[in-house]
Amino acid sequence: MYRQGDVLLEKLNSIPERSTTNETLLVRGEGRNHGHFIKGEAVEILVADENELTDGGGLVTQYLNVESEAALEHLLIDSREWTQEHAPIVIPPGKYRVIKQREYNPYSKAIRAVRD
């Protein structure tokens, strides 16, 4: 497993069939111009199609197919410059599920994504 801020990558043996996307942003930060990006030569990001349900917390499930070493980086969204808030993490080849940290409010019984 690899964690950076509110993003956790869980290694898997296989990935279910999904649609691919060219977007490299995994999670956007709250109210600021930054996010967690995956960068690499041979990285495929897979997402559920529009008709599939989310993970129960309102978050669309994402998967990564990393064929050669990649990096999980915390960057400014507009310029793609490093924020220096989180150090880059090297991600070895493999298949991963992207887990976005959630928080639960027992008073409103609401589940929402944690924003870094």
PDB file of N, CA and C in Angstrom:
ATOM      1  N   MET A   1       0.840  -1.187   0.000  1.00  0.00           N
ATOM      2  CA  MET A   1       0.000   0.000   0.000  1.00  0.00           C
ATOM      3  C   MET A   1       0.878   1.241   0.000  1.00  0.00           C
ATOM      4  N   TYR A   2       0.346   2.273  -0.627  1.00  0.00           N
ATOM      5  CA  TYR A   2       1.037   3.550  -0.693  1.00  0.00           C
ATOM      6  C   TYR A   2       0.037   4.637  -0.337  1.00  0.00           C
ATOM      7  N   ARG A   3       0.421   5.555   0.564  1.00  0.00           N
ATOM      8  CA  ARG A   3      -0.469   6.647   0.964  1.00  0.00           C
ATOM      9  C   ARG A   3       0.238   7.979   0.764  1.00  0.00           C
ATOM     10  N   GLN A   4      -0.551   8.946   0.223  1.00  0.00           N
ATOM     11  CA  GLN A   4      -0.081  10.322   0.107  1.00  0.00           C
ATOM     12  C   GLN A   4      -1.270  11.212   0.435  1.00  0.00           C
ATOM     13  N   GLY A   5      -1.226  11.871   1.589  1.00  0.00           N
ATOM     14  CA  GLY A   5      -2.350  12.710   1.999  1.00  0.00           C
ATOM     15  C   GLY A   5      -3.614  11.884   2.123  1.00  0.00           C
ATOM     16  N   ASP A   6      -4.648  12.256   1.389  1.00  0.00           N
ATOM     17  CA  ASP A   6      -5.931  11.557   1.472  1.00  0.00           C
ATOM     18  C   ASP A   6      -6.111  10.495   0.396  1.00  0.00           C
ATOM     19  N   VAL A   7      -5.003  10.053  -0.229  1.00  0.00           N
ATOM     20  CA  VAL A   7      -5.050   9.029  -1.275  1.00  0.00           C
ATOM     21  C   VAL A   7      -4.305   7.784  -0.809  1.00  0.00           C
ATOM     22  N   LEU A   8      -4.937   6.634  -0.969  1.00  0.00           N
ATOM     23  CA  LEU A   8      -4.323   5.347  -0.649  1.00  0.00           C
ATOM     24  C   LEU A   8      -4.369   4.484  -1.900  1.00  0.00           C
ATOM     25  N   LEU A   9      -3.238   3.872  -2.260  1.00  0.00           N
ATOM     26  CA  LEU A   9      -3.197   2.925  -3.373  1.00  0.00           C
ATOM     27  C   LEU A   9      -3.054   1.529  -2.795  1.00  0.00           C
ATOM     28  N   GLU A  10      -4.005   0.667  -3.121  1.00  0.00           N
ATOM     29  CA  GLU A  10      -4.011  -0.717  -2.646  1.00  0.00           C
ATOM     30  C   GLU A  10      -3.648  -1.630  -3.812  1.00  0.00           C
ATOM     31  N   LYS A  11      -2.621  -2.446  -3.646  1.00  0.00           N
ATOM     32  CA  LYS A  11      -2.173  -3.345  -4.719  1.00  0.00           C
ATOM     33  C   LYS A  11      -3.188  -4.475  -4.893  1.00  0.00           C
ATOM     34  N   LEU A  12      -3.487  -4.814  -6.148  1.00  0.00           N
ATOM     35  CA  LEU A  12      -4.451  -5.860  -6.495  1.00  0.00           C
ATOM     36  C   LEU A  12      -3.798  -6.886  -7.409  1.00  0.00           C
ATOM     37  N   ASN A  13      -4.419  -8.070  -7.515  1.00  0.00           N
ATOM     38  CA  ASN A  13      -3.966  -9.083  -8.472  1.00  0.00           C
ATOM     39  C   ASN A  13      -4.523  -8.828  -9.860  1.00  0.00           C
ATOM     40  N   SER A  14      -5.737  -8.273  -9.919  1.00  0.00           N
ATOM     41  CA  SER A  14      -6.367  -7.989 -11.210  1.00  0.00           C
ATOM     42  C   SER A  14      -7.295  -6.790 -11.052  1.00  0.00           C
ATOM     43  N   ILE A  15      -7.675  -6.220 -12.189  1.00  0.00           N
ATOM     44  CA  ILE A  15      -8.563  -5.060 -12.214  1.00  0.00           C
ATOM     45  C   ILE A  15      -9.804  -5.430 -13.012  1.00  0.00           C
ATOM     46  N   PRO A  16     -11.006  -5.100 -12.501  1.00  0.00           N
ATOM     47  CA  PRO A  16     -12.212  -5.348 -13.286  1.00  0.00           C
ATOM     48  C   PRO A  16     -12.216  -4.501 -14.559  1.00  0.00           C
ATOM     49  N   GLU A  17     -12.966  -4.933 -15.557  1.00  0.00           N
ATOM     50  CA  GLU A  17     -13.080  -4.175 -16.812  1.00  0.00           C
ATOM     51  C   GLU A  17     -13.645  -2.790 -16.512  1.00  0.00           C
ATOM     52  N   ARG A  18     -13.017  -1.768 -17.030  1.00  0.00           N
ATOM     53  CA  ARG A  18     -13.427  -0.388 -16.807  1.00  0.00           C
ATOM     54  C   ARG A  18     -13.123   0.456 -18.038  1.00  0.00           C
ATOM     55  N   SER A  19     -13.670   1.667 -18.051  1.00  0.00           N
ATOM     56  CA  SER A  19     -13.339   2.653 -19.074  1.00  0.00           C
ATOM     57  C   SER A  19     -12.017   3.314 -18.700  1.00  0.00           C
ATOM     58  N   THR A  20     -11.234   3.696 -19.696  1.00  0.00           N
ATOM     59  CA  THR A  20      -9.975   4.384 -19.412  1.00  0.00           C
ATOM     60  C   THR A  20     -10.163   5.886 -19.571  1.00  0.00           C
ATOM     61  N   THR A  21      -9.277   6.636 -18.963  1.00  0.00           N
ATOM     62  CA  THR A  21      -9.308   8.089 -19.065  1.00  0.00           C
ATOM     63  C   THR A  21      -7.896   8.601 -19.287  1.00  0.00           C
ATOM     64  N   ASN A  22      -7.776   9.739 -19.919  1.00  0.00           N
ATOM     65  CA  ASN A  22      -6.473  10.364 -20.118  1.00  0.00           C
ATOM     66  C   ASN A  22      -6.109  11.294 -18.966  1.00  0.00           C
ATOM     67  N   GLU A  23      -7.032  11.515 -18.049  1.00  0.00           N
ATOM     68  CA  GLU A  23      -6.799  12.402 -16.910  1.00  0.00           C
ATOM     69  C   GLU A  23      -5.790  11.776 -15.961  1.00  0.00           C
ATOM     70  N   THR A  24      -4.835  12.564 -15.480  1.00  0.00           N
ATOM     71  CA  THR A  24      -3.832  12.052 -14.538  1.00  0.00           C
ATOM     72  C   THR A  24      -4.098  12.508 -13.109  1.00  0.00           C
ATOM     73  N   LEU A  25      -5.121  13.347 -12.918  1.00  0.00           N
ATOM     74  CA  LEU A  25      -5.495  13.816 -11.587  1.00  0.00           C
ATOM     75  C   LEU A  25      -6.324  12.741 -10.889  1.00  0.00           C
ATOM     76  N   LEU A  26      -5.841  12.248  -9.750  1.00  0.00           N
ATOM     77  CA  LEU A  26      -6.584  11.239  -8.997  1.00  0.00           C
ATOM     78  C   LEU A  26      -7.532  11.883  -8.000  1.00  0.00           C
ATOM     79  N   VAL A  27      -7.054  12.886  -7.265  1.00  0.00           N
ATOM     80  CA  VAL A  27      -7.864  13.561  -6.251  1.00  0.00           C
ATOM     81  C   VAL A  27      -7.522  15.044  -6.260  1.00  0.00           C
ATOM     82  N   ARG A  28      -8.558  15.880  -6.279  1.00  0.00           N
ATOM     83  CA  ARG A  28      -8.375  17.342  -6.227  1.00  0.00           C
ATOM     84  C   ARG A  28      -8.468  17.790  -4.771  1.00  0.00           C
ATOM     85  N   GLY A  29      -7.594  18.721  -4.378  1.00  0.00           N
ATOM     86  CA  GLY A  29      -7.626  19.282  -3.028  1.00  0.00           C
ATOM     87  C   GLY A  29      -8.806  20.224  -2.864  1.00  0.00           C
ATOM     88  N   GLU A  30      -9.214  20.433  -1.629  1.00  0.00           N
ATOM     89  CA  GLU A  30     -10.375  21.262  -1.335  1.00  0.00           C
ATOM     90  C   GLU A  30     -10.026  22.748  -1.350  1.00  0.00           C
ATOM     91  N   GLY A  31     -10.723  23.506  -2.169  1.00  0.00           N
ATOM     92  CA  GLY A  31     -10.618  24.949  -2.155  1.00  0.00           C
ATOM     93  C   GLY A  31      -9.264  25.508  -2.554  1.00  0.00           C
ATOM     94  N   ARG A  32      -8.375  24.645  -2.977  1.00  0.00           N
ATOM     95  CA  ARG A  32      -7.054  25.118  -3.389  1.00  0.00           C
ATOM     96  C   ARG A  32      -6.731  24.526  -4.750  1.00  0.00           C
ATOM     97  N   ASN A  33      -5.764  25.112  -5.369  1.00  0.00           N
ATOM     98  CA  ASN A  33      -5.396  24.716  -6.720  1.00  0.00           C
ATOM     99  C   ASN A  33      -4.326  23.624  -6.697  1.00  0.00           C
ATOM    100  N   HIS A  34      -4.623  22.489  -6.070  1.00  0.00           N
ATOM    101  CA  HIS A  34      -3.648  21.397  -6.021  1.00  0.00           C
ATOM    102  C   HIS A  34      -4.373  20.061  -6.059  1.00  0.00           C
ATOM    103  N   GLY A  35      -3.602  19.018  -6.347  1.00  0.00           N
ATOM    104  CA  GLY A  35      -4.186  17.686  -6.382  1.00  0.00           C
ATOM    105  C   GLY A  35      -3.111  16.618  -6.426  1.00  0.00           C
ATOM    106  N   HIS A  36      -3.548  15.375  -6.308  1.00  0.00           N
ATOM    107  CA  HIS A  36      -2.660  14.214  -6.359  1.00  0.00           C
ATOM    108  C   HIS A  36      -2.714  13.650  -7.777  1.00  0.00           C
ATOM    109  N   PHE A  37      -1.573  13.618  -8.451  1.00  0.00           N
ATOM    110  CA  PHE A  37      -1.462  13.182  -9.839  1.00  0.00           C
ATOM    111  C   PHE A  37      -0.608  11.925  -9.921  1.00  0.00           C
ATOM    112  N   ILE A  38      -0.907  11.069 -10.886  1.00  0.00           N
ATOM    113  CA  ILE A  38      -0.047   9.928 -11.192  1.00  0.00           C
ATOM    114  C   ILE A  38       0.695  10.273 -12.477  1.00  0.00           C
ATOM    115  N   LYS A  39       2.015  10.095 -12.458  1.00  0.00           N
ATOM    116  CA  LYS A  39       2.828  10.433 -13.625  1.00  0.00           C
ATOM    117  C   LYS A  39       3.712   9.255 -13.977  1.00  0.00           C
ATOM    118  N   GLY A  40       3.727   8.907 -15.249  1.00  0.00           N
ATOM    119  CA  GLY A  40       4.569   7.819 -15.714  1.00  0.00           C
ATOM    120  C   GLY A  40       4.368   7.570 -17.196  1.00  0.00           C
ATOM    121  N   GLU A  41       5.306   6.841 -17.786  1.00  0.00           N
ATOM    122  CA  GLU A  41       5.255   6.533 -19.218  1.00  0.00           C
ATOM    123  C   GLU A  41       4.150   5.543 -19.562  1.00  0.00           C
ATOM    124  N   ALA A  42       3.931   4.560 -18.709  1.00  0.00           N
ATOM    125  CA  ALA A  42       2.978   3.487 -19.020  1.00  0.00           C
ATOM    126  C   ALA A  42       2.005   3.295 -17.859  1.00  0.00           C
ATOM    127  N   VAL A  43       1.155   4.309 -17.654  1.00  0.00           N
ATOM    128  CA  VAL A  43       0.151   4.263 -16.594  1.00  0.00           C
ATOM    129  C   VAL A  43      -1.222   4.405 -17.229  1.00  0.00           C
ATOM    130  N   GLU A  44      -2.112   3.522 -16.872  1.00  0.00           N
ATOM    131  CA  GLU A  44      -3.486   3.573 -17.366  1.00  0.00           C
ATOM    132  C   GLU A  44      -4.401   3.777 -16.164  1.00  0.00           C
ATOM    133  N   ILE A  45      -5.257   4.796 -16.238  1.00  0.00           N
ATOM    134  CA  ILE A  45      -6.236   5.049 -15.184  1.00  0.00           C
ATOM    135  C   ILE A  45      -7.577   4.542 -15.680  1.00  0.00           C
ATOM    136  N   LEU A  46      -8.212   3.717 -14.875  1.00  0.00           N
ATOM    137  CA  LEU A  46      -9.492   3.128 -15.248  1.00  0.00           C
ATOM    138  C   LEU A  46     -10.554   3.577 -14.258  1.00  0.00           C
ATOM    139  N   VAL A  47     -11.729   3.923 -14.781  1.00  0.00           N
ATOM    140  CA  VAL A  47     -12.825   4.393 -13.942  1.00  0.00           C
ATOM    141  C   VAL A  47     -14.093   3.628 -14.288  1.00  0.00           C
ATOM    142  N   ALA A  48     -15.031   3.625 -13.345  1.00  0.00           N
ATOM    143  CA  ALA A  48     -16.322   2.990 -13.577  1.00  0.00           C
ATOM    144  C   ALA A  48     -17.075   3.764 -14.652  1.00  0.00           C
ATOM    145  N   ASP A  49     -17.924   3.066 -15.401  1.00  0.00           N
ATOM    146  CA  ASP A  49     -18.706   3.797 -16.398  1.00  0.00           C
ATOM    147  C   ASP A  49     -19.840   4.545 -15.701  1.00  0.00           C
ATOM    148  N   GLU A  50     -20.533   5.417 -16.437  1.00  0.00           N
ATOM    149  CA  GLU A  50     -21.539   6.302 -15.853  1.00  0.00           C
ATOM    150  C   GLU A  50     -22.685   5.550 -15.193  1.00  0.00           C
ATOM    151  N   ASN A  51     -22.980   4.343 -15.652  1.00  0.00           N
ATOM    152  CA  ASN A  51     -24.121   3.607 -15.125  1.00  0.00           C
ATOM    153  C   ASN A  51     -23.792   2.811 -13.871  1.00  0.00           C
ATOM    154  N   GLU A  52     -22.517   2.709 -13.531  1.00  0.00           N
ATOM    155  CA  GLU A  52     -22.126   1.921 -12.371  1.00  0.00           C
ATOM    156  C   GLU A  52     -22.249   2.754 -11.100  1.00  0.00           C
ATOM    157  N   LEU A  53     -22.635   2.100 -10.024  1.00  0.00           N
ATOM    158  CA  LEU A  53     -22.770   2.793  -8.750  1.00  0.00           C
ATOM    159  C   LEU A  53     -21.410   3.179  -8.201  1.00  0.00           C
ATOM    160  N   THR A  54     -21.401   4.201  -7.368  1.00  0.00           N
ATOM    161  CA  THR A  54     -20.169   4.605  -6.698  1.00  0.00           C
ATOM    162  C   THR A  54     -19.904   3.643  -5.548  1.00  0.00           C
ATOM    163  N   ASP A  55     -18.878   3.914  -4.777  1.00  0.00           N
ATOM    164  CA  ASP A  55     -18.455   3.016  -3.701  1.00  0.00           C
ATOM    165  C   ASP A  55     -19.306   3.113  -2.444  1.00  0.00           C
ATOM    166  N   GLY A  56     -20.417   3.819  -2.471  1.00  0.00           N
ATOM    167  CA  GLY A  56     -21.278   3.943  -1.305  1.00  0.00           C
ATOM    168  C   GLY A  56     -21.078   5.267  -0.586  1.00  0.00           C
ATOM    169  N   GLY A  57     -19.931   5.878  -0.757  1.00  0.00           N
ATOM    170  CA  GLY A  57     -19.653   7.165  -0.146  1.00  0.00           C
ATOM    171  C   GLY A  57     -19.713   8.287  -1.157  1.00  0.00           C
ATOM    172  N   GLY A  58     -20.258   8.012  -2.331  1.00  0.00           N
ATOM    173  CA  GLY A  58     -20.369   9.032  -3.359  1.00  0.00           C
ATOM    174  C   GLY A  58     -19.106   9.236  -4.173  1.00  0.00           C
ATOM    175  N   LEU A  59     -18.160   8.312  -4.062  1.00  0.00           N
ATOM    176  CA  LEU A  59     -16.899   8.444  -4.780  1.00  0.00           C
ATOM    177  C   LEU A  59     -16.814   7.397  -5.874  1.00  0.00           C
ATOM    178  N   VAL A  60     -16.457   7.821  -7.068  1.00  0.00           N
ATOM    179  CA  VAL A  60     -16.289   6.891  -8.181  1.00  0.00           C
ATOM    180  C   VAL A  60     -15.009   6.090  -7.957  1.00  0.00           C
ATOM    181  N   THR A  61     -15.100   4.777  -8.137  1.00  0.00           N
ATOM    182  CA  THR A  61     -13.936   3.921  -7.956  1.00  0.00           C
ATOM    183  C   THR A  61     -12.986   4.072  -9.133  1.00  0.00           C
ATOM    184  N   GLN A  62     -11.696   4.241  -8.830  1.00  0.00           N
ATOM    185  CA  GLN A  62     -10.655   4.333  -9.848  1.00  0.00           C
ATOM    186  C   GLN A  62      -9.654   3.204  -9.632  1.00  0.00           C
ATOM    187  N   TYR A  63      -9.032   2.787 -10.736  1.00  0.00           N
ATOM    188  CA  TYR A  63      -7.976   1.777 -10.688  1.00  0.00           C
ATOM    189  C   TYR A  63      -6.800   2.281 -11.499  1.00  0.00           C
ATOM    190  N   LEU A  64      -5.608   1.779 -11.170  1.00  0.00           N
ATOM    191  CA  LEU A  64      -4.402   2.104 -11.930  1.00  0.00           C
ATOM    192  C   LEU A  64      -3.781   0.826 -12.440  1.00  0.00           C
ATOM    193  N   ASN A  65      -3.367   0.832 -13.690  1.00  0.00           N
ATOM    194  CA  ASN A  65      -2.556  -0.238 -14.254  1.00  0.00           C
ATOM    195  C   ASN A  65      -1.204   0.399 -14.567  1.00  0.00           C
ATOM    196  N   VAL A  66      -0.213   0.107 -13.733  1.00  0.00           N
ATOM    197  CA  VAL A  66       1.112   0.715 -13.852  1.00  0.00           C
ATOM    198  C   VAL A  66       2.036  -0.322 -14.467  1.00  0.00           C
ATOM    199  N   GLU A  67       2.448  -0.109 -15.722  1.00  0.00           N
ATOM    200  CA  GLU A  67       3.287  -1.088 -16.423  1.00  0.00           C
ATOM    201  C   GLU A  67       4.772  -0.833 -16.241  1.00  0.00           C
ATOM    202  N   SER A  68       5.155   0.404 -15.968  1.00  0.00           N
ATOM    203  CA  SER A  68       6.546   0.713 -15.626  1.00  0.00           C
ATOM    204  C   SER A  68       6.502   1.751 -14.510  1.00  0.00           C
ATOM    205  N   GLU A  69       7.582   1.850 -13.766  1.00  0.00           N
ATOM    206  CA  GLU A  69       7.624   2.706 -12.585  1.00  0.00           C
ATOM    207  C   GLU A  69       6.976   4.067 -12.835  1.00  0.00           C
ATOM    208  N   ALA A  70       6.175   4.520 -11.871  1.00  0.00           N
ATOM    209  CA  ALA A  70       5.468   5.796 -11.971  1.00  0.00           C
ATOM    210  C   ALA A  70       5.674   6.568 -10.672  1.00  0.00           C
ATOM    211  N   ALA A  71       5.105   7.759 -10.608  1.00  0.00           N
ATOM    212  CA  ALA A  71       5.215   8.577  -9.400  1.00  0.00           C
ATOM    213  C   ALA A  71       3.853   9.155  -9.046  1.00  0.00           C
ATOM    214  N   LEU A  72       3.534   9.138  -7.759  1.00  0.00           N
ATOM    215  CA  LEU A  72       2.361   9.815  -7.221  1.00  0.00           C
ATOM    216  C   LEU A  72       2.871  11.155  -6.707  1.00  0.00           C
ATOM    217  N   GLU A  73       2.384  12.249  -7.313  1.00  0.00           N
ATOM    218  CA  GLU A  73       2.915  13.570  -6.995  1.00  0.00           C
ATOM    219  C   GLU A  73       1.801  14.524  -6.593  1.00  0.00           C
ATOM    220  N   HIS A  74       2.098  15.412  -5.665  1.00  0.00           N
ATOM    221  CA  HIS A  74       1.166  16.443  -5.206  1.00  0.00           C
ATOM    222  C   HIS A  74       1.556  17.736  -5.911  1.00  0.00           C
ATOM    223  N   LEU A  75       0.716  18.170  -6.871  1.00  0.00           N
ATOM    224  CA  LEU A  75       1.074  19.273  -7.768  1.00  0.00           C
ATOM    225  C   LEU A  75       0.004  20.355  -7.785  1.00  0.00           C
ATOM    226  N   LEU A  76       0.417  21.561  -8.190  1.00  0.00           N
ATOM    227  CA  LEU A  76      -0.544  22.618  -8.484  1.00  0.00           C
ATOM    228  C   LEU A  76      -1.274  22.232  -9.766  1.00  0.00           C
ATOM    229  N   ILE A  77      -2.573  22.403  -9.801  1.00  0.00           N
ATOM    230  CA  ILE A  77      -3.364  21.939 -10.941  1.00  0.00           C
ATOM    231  C   ILE A  77      -3.053  22.728 -12.211  1.00  0.00           C
ATOM    232  N   ASP A  78      -2.953  24.042 -12.121  1.00  0.00           N
ATOM    233  CA  ASP A  78      -2.732  24.850 -13.322  1.00  0.00           C
ATOM    234  C   ASP A  78      -1.336  24.707 -13.905  1.00  0.00           C
ATOM    235  N   SER A  79      -0.322  24.773 -13.066  1.00  0.00           N
ATOM    236  CA  SER A  79       1.058  24.775 -13.566  1.00  0.00           C
ATOM    237  C   SER A  79       1.732  23.410 -13.504  1.00  0.00           C
ATOM    238  N   ARG A  80       1.138  22.476 -12.772  1.00  0.00           N
ATOM    239  CA  ARG A  80       1.718  21.140 -12.539  1.00  0.00           C
ATOM    240  C   ARG A  80       3.076  21.224 -11.843  1.00  0.00           C
ATOM    241  N   GLU A  81       3.278  22.272 -11.036  1.00  0.00           N
ATOM    242  CA  GLU A  81       4.491  22.394 -10.236  1.00  0.00           C
ATOM    243  C   GLU A  81       4.275  21.696  -8.901  1.00  0.00           C
ATOM    244  N   TRP A  82       5.366  21.176  -8.330  1.00  0.00           N
ATOM    245  CA  TRP A  82       5.318  20.464  -7.057  1.00  0.00           C
ATOM    246  C   TRP A  82       4.956  21.436  -5.936  1.00  0.00           C
ATOM    247  N   THR A  83       4.039  21.065  -5.065  1.00  0.00           N
ATOM    248  CA  THR A  83       3.584  21.928  -3.972  1.00  0.00           C
ATOM    249  C   THR A  83       4.506  21.879  -2.762  1.00  0.00           C
ATOM    250  N   GLN A  84       5.349  20.895  -2.658  1.00  0.00           N
ATOM    251  CA  GLN A  84       6.240  20.648  -1.526  1.00  0.00           C
ATOM    252  C   GLN A  84       5.482  20.266  -0.262  1.00  0.00           C
ATOM    253  N   GLU A  85       4.164  20.039  -0.367  1.00  0.00           N
ATOM    254  CA  GLU A  85       3.375  19.608   0.789  1.00  0.00           C
ATOM    255  C   GLU A  85       3.569  18.118   1.055  1.00  0.00           C
ATOM    256  N   HIS A  86       3.659  17.329  -0.003  1.00  0.00           N
ATOM    257  CA  HIS A  86       3.906  15.886   0.095  1.00  0.00           C
ATOM    258  C   HIS A  86       5.042  15.540  -0.857  1.00  0.00           C
ATOM    259  N   ALA A  87       5.967  14.716  -0.406  1.00  0.00           N
ATOM    260  CA  ALA A  87       7.050  14.261  -1.281  1.00  0.00           C
ATOM    261  C   ALA A  87       6.489  13.282  -2.309  1.00  0.00           C
ATOM    262  N   PRO A  88       7.042  13.258  -3.523  1.00  0.00           N
ATOM    263  CA  PRO A  88       6.615  12.265  -4.514  1.00  0.00           C
ATOM    264  C   PRO A  88       6.870  10.848  -3.993  1.00  0.00           C
ATOM    265  N   ILE A  89       6.017   9.919  -4.394  1.00  0.00           N
ATOM    266  CA  ILE A  89       6.154   8.515  -4.005  1.00  0.00           C
ATOM    267  C   ILE A  89       6.329   7.692  -5.275  1.00  0.00           C
ATOM    268  N   VAL A  90       7.356   6.857  -5.309  1.00  0.00           N
ATOM    269  CA  VAL A  90       7.588   5.967  -6.454  1.00  0.00           C
ATOM    270  C   VAL A  90       6.615   4.798  -6.349  1.00  0.00           C
ATOM    271  N   ILE A  91       5.897   4.536  -7.439  1.00  0.00           N
ATOM    272  CA  ILE A  91       4.928   3.441  -7.501  1.00  0.00           C
ATOM    273  C   ILE A  91       5.475   2.390  -8.460  1.00  0.00           C
ATOM    274  N   PRO A  92       5.758   1.176  -7.952  1.00  0.00           N
ATOM    275  CA  PRO A  92       6.282   0.128  -8.826  1.00  0.00           C
ATOM    276  C   PRO A  92       5.190  -0.431  -9.738  1.00  0.00           C
ATOM    277  N   PRO A  93       5.580  -1.140 -10.797  1.00  0.00           N
ATOM    278  CA  PRO A  93       4.588  -1.743 -11.682  1.00  0.00           C
ATOM    279  C   PRO A  93       3.606  -2.617 -10.900  1.00  0.00           C
ATOM    280  N   GLY A  94       2.359  -2.589 -11.345  1.00  0.00           N
ATOM    281  CA  GLY A  94       1.326  -3.402 -10.710  1.00  0.00           C
ATOM    282  C   GLY A  94      -0.045  -2.833 -10.982  1.00  0.00           C
ATOM    283  N   LYS A  95      -1.032  -3.456 -10.385  1.00  0.00           N
ATOM    284  CA  LYS A  95      -2.424  -3.044 -10.510  1.00  0.00           C
ATOM    285  C   LYS A  95      -2.869  -2.542  -9.142  1.00  0.00           C
ATOM    286  N   TYR A  96      -3.564  -1.400  -9.129  1.00  0.00           N
ATOM    287  CA  TYR A  96      -3.920  -0.758  -7.872  1.00  0.00           C
ATOM    288  C   TYR A  96      -5.351  -0.247  -7.900  1.00  0.00           C
ATOM    289  N   ARG A  97      -5.971  -0.237  -6.729  1.00  0.00           N
ATOM    290  CA  ARG A  97      -7.251   0.447  -6.545  1.00  0.00           C
ATOM    291  C   ARG A  97      -6.940   1.754  -5.831  1.00  0.00           C
ATOM    292  N   VAL A  98      -7.525   2.850  -6.307  1.00  0.00           N
ATOM    293  CA  VAL A  98      -7.339   4.163  -5.692  1.00  0.00           C
ATOM    294  C   VAL A  98      -8.431   4.336  -4.643  1.00  0.00           C
ATOM    295  N   ILE A  99      -8.022   4.525  -3.402  1.00  0.00           N
ATOM    296  CA  ILE A  99      -8.973   4.710  -2.306  1.00  0.00           C
ATOM    297  C   ILE A  99      -8.841   6.141  -1.808  1.00  0.00           C
ATOM    298  N   LYS A 100      -9.937   6.869  -1.835  1.00  0.00           N
ATOM    299  CA  LYS A 100      -9.950   8.243  -1.347  1.00  0.00           C
ATOM    300  C   LYS A 100     -10.476   8.230   0.087  1.00  0.00           C
ATOM    301  N   GLN A 101      -9.703   8.808   0.992  1.00  0.00           N
ATOM    302  CA  GLN A 101     -10.085   8.807   2.397  1.00  0.00           C
ATOM    303  C   GLN A 101     -11.421   9.505   2.575  1.00  0.00           C
ATOM    304  N   ARG A 102     -12.247   8.940   3.467  1.00  0.00           N
ATOM    305  CA  ARG A 102     -13.566   9.499   3.744  1.00  0.00           C
ATOM    306  C   ARG A 102     -13.697   9.793   5.224  1.00  0.00           C
ATOM    307  N   GLU A 103     -14.641  10.648   5.552  1.00  0.00           N
ATOM    308  CA  GLU A 103     -14.949  10.889   6.955  1.00  0.00           C
ATOM    309  C   GLU A 103     -16.453  10.756   7.141  1.00  0.00           C
ATOM    310  N   TYR A 104     -16.834  10.364   8.340  1.00  0.00           N
ATOM    311  CA  TYR A 104     -18.238  10.138   8.663  1.00  0.00           C
ATOM    312  C   TYR A 104     -18.653  11.118   9.743  1.00  0.00           C
ATOM    313  N   ASN A 105     -19.788  11.786   9.544  1.00  0.00           N
ATOM    314  CA  ASN A 105     -20.351  12.681  10.542  1.00  0.00           C
ATOM    315  C   ASN A 105     -21.503  11.950  11.215  1.00  0.00           C
ATOM    316  N   PRO A 106     -21.341  11.537  12.487  1.00  0.00           N
ATOM    317  CA  PRO A 106     -22.392  10.758  13.144  1.00  0.00           C
ATOM    318  C   PRO A 106     -23.672  11.552  13.392  1.00  0.00           C
ATOM    319  N   TYR A 107     -23.593  12.875  13.413  1.00  0.00           N
ATOM    320  CA  TYR A 107     -24.779  13.689  13.659  1.00  0.00           C
ATOM    321  C   TYR A 107     -25.653  13.790  12.418  1.00  0.00           C
ATOM    322  N   SER A 108     -25.034  13.999  11.280  1.00  0.00           N
ATOM    323  CA  SER A 108     -25.809  14.090  10.042  1.00  0.00           C
ATOM    324  C   SER A 108     -25.860  12.755   9.308  1.00  0.00           C
ATOM    325  N   LYS A 109     -25.083  11.781   9.794  1.00  0.00           N
ATOM    326  CA  LYS A 109     -24.973  10.452   9.175  1.00  0.00           C
ATOM    327  C   LYS A 109     -24.519  10.565   7.723  1.00  0.00           C
ATOM    328  N   ALA A 110     -23.660  11.526   7.480  1.00  0.00           N
ATOM    329  CA  ALA A 110     -23.162  11.763   6.124  1.00  0.00           C
ATOM    330  C   ALA A 110     -21.735  11.255   5.986  1.00  0.00           C
ATOM    331  N   ILE A 111     -21.447  10.721   4.810  1.00  0.00           N
ATOM    332  CA  ILE A 111     -20.096  10.295   4.459  1.00  0.00           C
ATOM    333  C   ILE A 111     -19.628  11.220   3.349  1.00  0.00           C
ATOM    334  N   ARG A 112     -18.414  11.747   3.494  1.00  0.00           N
ATOM    335  CA  ARG A 112     -17.892  12.608   2.435  1.00  0.00           C
ATOM    336  C   ARG A 112     -16.400  12.375   2.281  1.00  0.00           C
ATOM    337  N   ALA A 113     -15.902  12.727   1.120  1.00  0.00           N
ATOM    338  CA  ALA A 113     -14.470  12.597   0.849  1.00  0.00           C
ATOM    339  C   ALA A 113     -13.710  13.611   1.684  1.00  0.00           C
ATOM    340  N   VAL A 114     -12.601  13.166   2.253  1.00  0.00           N
ATOM    341  CA  VAL A 114     -11.701  14.079   2.951  1.00  0.00           C
ATOM    342  C   VAL A 114     -10.950  14.856   1.891  1.00  0.00           C
ATOM    343  N   ARG A 115     -10.807  16.152   2.075  1.00  0.00           N
ATOM    344  CA  ARG A 115     -10.086  16.985   1.116  1.00  0.00           C
ATOM    345  C   ARG A 115      -8.795  17.448   1.751  1.00  0.00           C
ATOM    346  N   ASP A 116      -7.712  17.156   1.082  1.00  0.00           N
ATOM    347  CA  ASP A 116      -6.372  17.463   1.574  1.00  0.00           C
ATOM    348  C   ASP A 116      -6.065  18.939   1.432  1.00  0.00           C
TER     349      ASP A 116
END
